[in-house]
Amino acid sequence: MAKNFHVYFLASKRNGTLYVGVTNDFVRRVFEHKQGAVKGFTKAHKVHDLVYFESFEDPRSAIQREKTIKGWPRRWKTNKIEETNPTWRDLYDEIAGG
């Protein structure tokens, strides 16, 4: 089965404002954040760099993981980013095929 559900972290900059989300249309959703297409937190705080993500086959697992991560202290979130992306580079081109 394909992993069609994603939990993701967006950042305004390295060690900047963080956003944690979940989606079943990953590329489209991150693109919407990057474009500021939807009013809300990410648009207001210019949080648009994809810095971390996890993939899931089951929507319930993805939603539960998002809830768990949102309850973490900030340091745990930044540690999770830095495990795989120590420079906090924007991963959007990798997921969008660019």
N, C-alpha and C. Protein backbone atom coordinates (compact mmCIF):
# COMPACT_ATOMS: atom_id res chain seq x y z
N MET A 1 0.85 -1.19 0.00
CA MET A 1 0.00 0.00 0.00
C MET A 1 0.89 1.25 0.00
N ALA A 2 0.49 2.25 -0.74
CA ALA A 2 1.26 3.51 -0.82
C ALA A 2 1.09 4.32 0.45
N LYS A 3 2.11 5.06 0.77
CA LYS A 3 2.07 5.94 1.94
C LYS A 3 1.55 7.30 1.49
N ASN A 4 0.25 7.48 1.63
CA ASN A 4 -0.42 8.66 1.09
C ASN A 4 -0.73 9.74 2.12
N PHE A 5 -0.32 9.52 3.36
CA PHE A 5 -0.60 10.49 4.42
C PHE A 5 0.72 10.96 4.99
N HIS A 6 0.79 12.26 5.26
CA HIS A 6 2.05 12.83 5.74
C HIS A 6 1.84 13.78 6.91
N VAL A 7 2.73 13.67 7.87
CA VAL A 7 2.86 14.65 8.94
C VAL A 7 4.11 15.44 8.60
N TYR A 8 4.03 16.76 8.70
CA TYR A 8 5.14 17.59 8.23
C TYR A 8 5.36 18.78 9.15
N PHE A 9 6.60 19.25 9.13
CA PHE A 9 6.98 20.47 9.86
C PHE A 9 7.35 21.52 8.83
N LEU A 10 6.82 22.71 9.01
CA LEU A 10 7.24 23.89 8.26
C LEU A 10 7.93 24.83 9.23
N ALA A 11 8.88 25.60 8.71
CA ALA A 11 9.59 26.58 9.53
C ALA A 11 9.68 27.90 8.79
N SER A 12 9.71 28.99 9.54
CA SER A 12 9.88 30.32 8.94
C SER A 12 11.35 30.54 8.56
N LYS A 13 12.25 29.93 9.31
CA LYS A 13 13.70 29.99 9.10
C LYS A 13 14.32 29.01 10.08
N ARG A 14 15.61 28.84 10.03
CA ARG A 14 16.27 27.95 10.99
C ARG A 14 15.99 28.43 12.41
N ASN A 15 15.51 27.55 13.24
CA ASN A 15 15.14 27.84 14.63
C ASN A 15 14.06 28.91 14.75
N GLY A 16 13.30 29.11 13.67
CA GLY A 16 12.22 30.09 13.69
C GLY A 16 10.89 29.47 14.12
N THR A 17 9.82 30.10 13.71
CA THR A 17 8.48 29.63 14.02
C THR A 17 8.23 28.29 13.33
N LEU A 18 7.61 27.35 14.05
CA LEU A 18 7.32 26.03 13.51
C LEU A 18 5.82 25.82 13.37
N TYR A 19 5.46 25.00 12.40
CA TYR A 19 4.09 24.57 12.20
C TYR A 19 4.12 23.07 11.94
N VAL A 20 3.20 22.33 12.55
CA VAL A 20 3.07 20.89 12.33
C VAL A 20 1.71 20.65 11.71
N GLY A 21 1.69 19.92 10.59
CA GLY A 21 0.43 19.63 9.91
C GLY A 21 0.35 18.19 9.46
N VAL A 22 -0.83 17.81 8.98
CA VAL A 22 -1.06 16.48 8.42
C VAL A 22 -1.89 16.65 7.15
N THR A 23 -1.63 15.81 6.15
CA THR A 23 -2.35 15.93 4.88
C THR A 23 -2.37 14.62 4.13
N ASN A 24 -3.32 14.49 3.22
CA ASN A 24 -3.35 13.35 2.32
C ASN A 24 -2.98 13.77 0.89
N ASP A 25 -2.64 15.04 0.69
CA ASP A 25 -2.19 15.54 -0.61
C ASP A 25 -0.97 16.43 -0.35
N PHE A 26 0.14 15.79 -0.11
CA PHE A 26 1.34 16.41 0.43
C PHE A 26 1.88 17.55 -0.43
N VAL A 27 2.15 17.30 -1.69
CA VAL A 27 2.75 18.32 -2.55
C VAL A 27 1.81 19.52 -2.67
N ARG A 28 0.53 19.26 -2.91
CA ARG A 28 -0.43 20.37 -3.04
C ARG A 28 -0.50 21.19 -1.76
N ARG A 29 -0.55 20.52 -0.61
CA ARG A 29 -0.71 21.24 0.65
C ARG A 29 0.51 22.10 0.98
N VAL A 30 1.69 21.55 0.79
CA VAL A 30 2.90 22.34 1.05
C VAL A 30 2.98 23.51 0.07
N PHE A 31 2.60 23.28 -1.18
CA PHE A 31 2.57 24.37 -2.17
C PHE A 31 1.62 25.48 -1.71
N GLU A 32 0.46 25.11 -1.20
CA GLU A 32 -0.49 26.11 -0.70
C GLU A 32 0.13 26.93 0.43
N HIS A 33 0.83 26.27 1.33
CA HIS A 33 1.51 27.00 2.41
C HIS A 33 2.54 27.96 1.83
N LYS A 34 3.33 27.48 0.87
CA LYS A 34 4.40 28.31 0.28
C LYS A 34 3.83 29.53 -0.42
N GLN A 35 2.68 29.37 -1.04
CA GLN A 35 2.05 30.47 -1.79
C GLN A 35 1.21 31.39 -0.91
N GLY A 36 0.99 31.00 0.32
CA GLY A 36 0.10 31.79 1.20
C GLY A 36 -1.33 31.74 0.71
N ALA A 37 -1.72 30.61 0.10
CA ALA A 37 -3.03 30.49 -0.53
C ALA A 37 -4.18 30.41 0.46
N VAL A 38 -3.89 30.03 1.70
CA VAL A 38 -4.94 29.89 2.70
C VAL A 38 -4.62 30.79 3.88
N LYS A 39 -5.60 31.59 4.27
CA LYS A 39 -5.41 32.45 5.43
C LYS A 39 -5.22 31.59 6.67
N GLY A 40 -4.36 32.05 7.56
CA GLY A 40 -4.15 31.31 8.79
C GLY A 40 -2.76 31.51 9.33
N PHE A 41 -2.36 30.62 10.22
CA PHE A 41 -1.10 30.73 10.95
C PHE A 41 0.10 30.80 10.02
N THR A 42 0.20 29.87 9.07
CA THR A 42 1.40 29.83 8.23
C THR A 42 1.53 31.07 7.35
N LYS A 43 0.43 31.57 6.87
CA LYS A 43 0.48 32.80 6.06
C LYS A 43 0.84 33.99 6.94
N ALA A 44 0.21 34.11 8.08
CA ALA A 44 0.44 35.25 8.97
C ALA A 44 1.88 35.31 9.48
N HIS A 45 2.49 34.14 9.69
CA HIS A 45 3.84 34.08 10.27
C HIS A 45 4.93 33.74 9.27
N LYS A 46 4.54 33.70 7.97
CA LYS A 46 5.49 33.38 6.89
C LYS A 46 6.25 32.08 7.16
N VAL A 47 5.50 31.06 7.51
CA VAL A 47 6.04 29.73 7.79
C VAL A 47 5.83 28.89 6.54
N HIS A 48 6.89 28.71 5.74
CA HIS A 48 6.69 28.06 4.45
C HIS A 48 7.79 27.09 4.01
N ASP A 49 8.83 26.90 4.81
CA ASP A 49 9.90 25.96 4.43
C ASP A 49 9.61 24.58 5.01
N LEU A 50 9.51 23.59 4.14
CA LEU A 50 9.31 22.21 4.57
C LEU A 50 10.64 21.68 5.11
N VAL A 51 10.70 21.38 6.40
CA VAL A 51 11.98 20.96 7.00
C VAL A 51 11.98 19.53 7.52
N TYR A 52 10.80 18.88 7.59
CA TYR A 52 10.74 17.51 8.07
C TYR A 52 9.39 16.92 7.70
N PHE A 53 9.38 15.61 7.43
CA PHE A 53 8.10 14.94 7.21
C PHE A 53 8.23 13.45 7.50
N GLU A 54 7.08 12.85 7.78
CA GLU A 54 6.95 11.41 7.96
C GLU A 54 5.78 10.95 7.12
N SER A 55 5.86 9.73 6.58
CA SER A 55 4.82 9.18 5.71
C SER A 55 4.10 8.02 6.39
N PHE A 56 2.81 7.90 6.10
CA PHE A 56 1.96 6.87 6.70
C PHE A 56 1.02 6.29 5.67
N GLU A 57 0.68 5.02 5.85
CA GLU A 57 -0.32 4.38 5.00
C GLU A 57 -1.73 4.62 5.52
N ASP A 58 -1.85 4.76 6.82
CA ASP A 58 -3.14 4.83 7.50
C ASP A 58 -3.42 6.24 7.99
N PRO A 59 -4.57 6.81 7.66
CA PRO A 59 -4.86 8.17 8.10
C PRO A 59 -4.93 8.31 9.62
N ARG A 60 -5.44 7.31 10.30
CA ARG A 60 -5.53 7.39 11.77
C ARG A 60 -4.15 7.48 12.40
N SER A 61 -3.20 6.73 11.86
CA SER A 61 -1.83 6.77 12.38
C SER A 61 -1.21 8.15 12.16
N ALA A 62 -1.45 8.73 10.99
CA ALA A 62 -0.91 10.06 10.70
C ALA A 62 -1.51 11.11 11.63
N ILE A 63 -2.81 11.06 11.82
CA ILE A 63 -3.49 12.03 12.69
C ILE A 63 -3.01 11.89 14.13
N GLN A 64 -2.87 10.66 14.60
CA GLN A 64 -2.39 10.44 15.96
C GLN A 64 -0.96 10.95 16.13
N ARG A 65 -0.12 10.71 15.11
CA ARG A 65 1.27 11.18 15.18
C ARG A 65 1.31 12.70 15.23
N GLU A 66 0.49 13.37 14.42
CA GLU A 66 0.44 14.83 14.44
C GLU A 66 0.06 15.33 15.84
N LYS A 67 -0.94 14.72 16.44
CA LYS A 67 -1.38 15.13 17.78
C LYS A 67 -0.27 14.91 18.81
N THR A 68 0.41 13.78 18.69
CA THR A 68 1.52 13.49 19.61
C THR A 68 2.61 14.54 19.48
N ILE A 69 3.02 14.82 18.24
CA ILE A 69 4.10 15.79 17.99
C ILE A 69 3.71 17.18 18.48
N LYS A 70 2.47 17.57 18.26
CA LYS A 70 2.03 18.90 18.70
C LYS A 70 2.14 19.05 20.22
N GLY A 71 2.11 17.93 20.94
CA GLY A 71 2.25 17.97 22.39
C GLY A 71 3.69 17.99 22.87
N TRP A 72 4.63 17.79 21.96
CA TRP A 72 6.05 17.77 22.33
C TRP A 72 6.54 19.17 22.68
N PRO A 73 7.54 19.26 23.55
CA PRO A 73 8.24 20.53 23.76
C PRO A 73 8.96 20.94 22.46
N ARG A 74 9.15 22.22 22.29
CA ARG A 74 9.82 22.73 21.09
C ARG A 74 11.16 22.05 20.86
N ARG A 75 11.95 21.84 21.89
CA ARG A 75 13.29 21.24 21.73
C ARG A 75 13.21 19.86 21.09
N TRP A 76 12.20 19.08 21.43
CA TRP A 76 12.04 17.76 20.82
C TRP A 76 11.78 17.90 19.32
N LYS A 77 10.98 18.90 18.96
CA LYS A 77 10.68 19.12 17.53
C LYS A 77 11.94 19.53 16.77
N THR A 78 12.71 20.46 17.34
CA THR A 78 13.93 20.89 16.65
C THR A 78 14.93 19.74 16.59
N ASN A 79 15.00 18.92 17.62
CA ASN A 79 15.88 17.74 17.57
C ASN A 79 15.46 16.79 16.45
N LYS A 80 14.16 16.59 16.28
CA LYS A 80 13.65 15.70 15.24
C LYS A 80 14.03 16.24 13.85
N ILE A 81 13.91 17.54 13.65
CA ILE A 81 14.32 18.15 12.38
C ILE A 81 15.81 17.92 12.15
N GLU A 82 16.61 18.21 13.15
CA GLU A 82 18.06 18.18 12.98
C GLU A 82 18.62 16.77 12.84
N GLU A 83 17.86 15.74 13.23
CA GLU A 83 18.31 14.36 13.01
C GLU A 83 18.51 14.07 11.53
N THR A 84 17.63 14.58 10.69
CA THR A 84 17.69 14.28 9.25
C THR A 84 17.97 15.50 8.39
N ASN A 85 17.84 16.69 8.95
CA ASN A 85 17.99 17.92 8.17
C ASN A 85 18.71 18.97 9.02
N PRO A 86 19.99 18.73 9.34
CA PRO A 86 20.69 19.61 10.28
C PRO A 86 20.84 21.06 9.82
N THR A 87 20.73 21.31 8.52
CA THR A 87 20.85 22.68 8.02
C THR A 87 19.48 23.35 7.83
N TRP A 88 18.42 22.62 8.11
CA TRP A 88 17.06 23.13 7.96
C TRP A 88 16.77 23.56 6.52
N ARG A 89 17.32 22.86 5.54
CA ARG A 89 17.06 23.22 4.15
C ARG A 89 15.61 22.91 3.80
N ASP A 90 15.08 23.64 2.85
CA ASP A 90 13.70 23.45 2.40
C ASP A 90 13.65 22.19 1.53
N LEU A 91 12.84 21.22 1.91
CA LEU A 91 12.75 19.93 1.23
C LEU A 91 11.68 19.91 0.14
N TYR A 92 11.04 21.02 -0.13
CA TYR A 92 9.92 21.04 -1.07
C TYR A 92 10.30 20.51 -2.45
N ASP A 93 11.42 20.95 -3.00
CA ASP A 93 11.80 20.49 -4.35
C ASP A 93 11.95 18.98 -4.40
N GLU A 94 12.40 18.37 -3.32
CA GLU A 94 12.55 16.91 -3.29
C GLU A 94 11.20 16.20 -3.38
N ILE A 95 10.19 16.72 -2.71
CA ILE A 95 8.89 16.05 -2.73
C ILE A 95 8.11 16.41 -3.99
N ALA A 96 8.40 17.57 -4.58
CA ALA A 96 7.67 18.03 -5.76
C ALA A 96 8.30 17.52 -7.05
N GLY A 97 9.43 16.83 -6.93
CA GLY A 97 10.07 16.27 -8.10
C GLY A 97 10.93 17.26 -8.86
N GLY A 98 11.31 18.35 -8.19
CA GLY A 98 12.08 19.39 -8.88
C GLY A 98 13.53 19.39 -8.59
